[in-house]
Amino acid sequence: MAGPIRKFFESLVYAGLKPSGGAPRDRKPQSFWDRLLAGPSPADPLYLTNRTWKQKLRIALLVGLPVLAVLVAALYAMLRPPTLPENRPATPSAAEIAASTPILPDNFSLPQNTDLQIVEVGIQRDGGTFVAGILRNNTHRRYAGAELYFGLMDENDSQVGGASTTLGIIEPRATVPFRFPIPHKNAAFVLVREVRPTY
């Protein structure tokens, strides 16, 4: 028991000191990267300070070349313009998108009032902008009046607003002309939205 205990205390007291005699300690074998960067295991304890310029250049190249390659690849990717496929489909225009996008189902229809029917309507410009047209009573009934509602479109078929007017007494089988001003000076077409009779 005295032998192991003595060796333990001696290891604590003489920690870090090299023995004065005896065979040198076996060194830990170098890894591949250690041999590549620093070369074979040197015997000089100051080998890091006393490295030659060739050794320093080799380490700098081995460390710097991968970083330089990454930087060059990143710079090339940022400066290179994106390549578009030659057969890339053309971007459809707004009219083509609108034509290919159904807003209402094919079988959709609005109930039409055939008793009172607008047979003619349009835009007139005579000292201003007007909606003018003709309303016809297709029945043998006398109406106290009618409310007319229109949608206004410009030359590009874009809606610019709406308009409405009210008519007085409509006799049976009669036609009643109407004309009223609108503030939409760019209106070019008129759409009939609704004819609402007054009984």
Foldseek 3Di string as FASTA:
>chain_A
DVVVVVVVVVCVVCPPPDDPDDDDDDDDDDDPVCCQLPNDDDPDPVCVVVPDVVSVVSNCCVVVVVVVVVVVVVVCVVPDDDDDDPPDDDDDDPVVVVVVDDPDDPPDDDDADPQKDWPFWWWDDDVAIKIKGKIFGAFQDKFQWKKWKKWFAAPVRHTDGIDIDIGGIDHHGDMDIDMDGDPPRRTGGIGTDDIGTHD
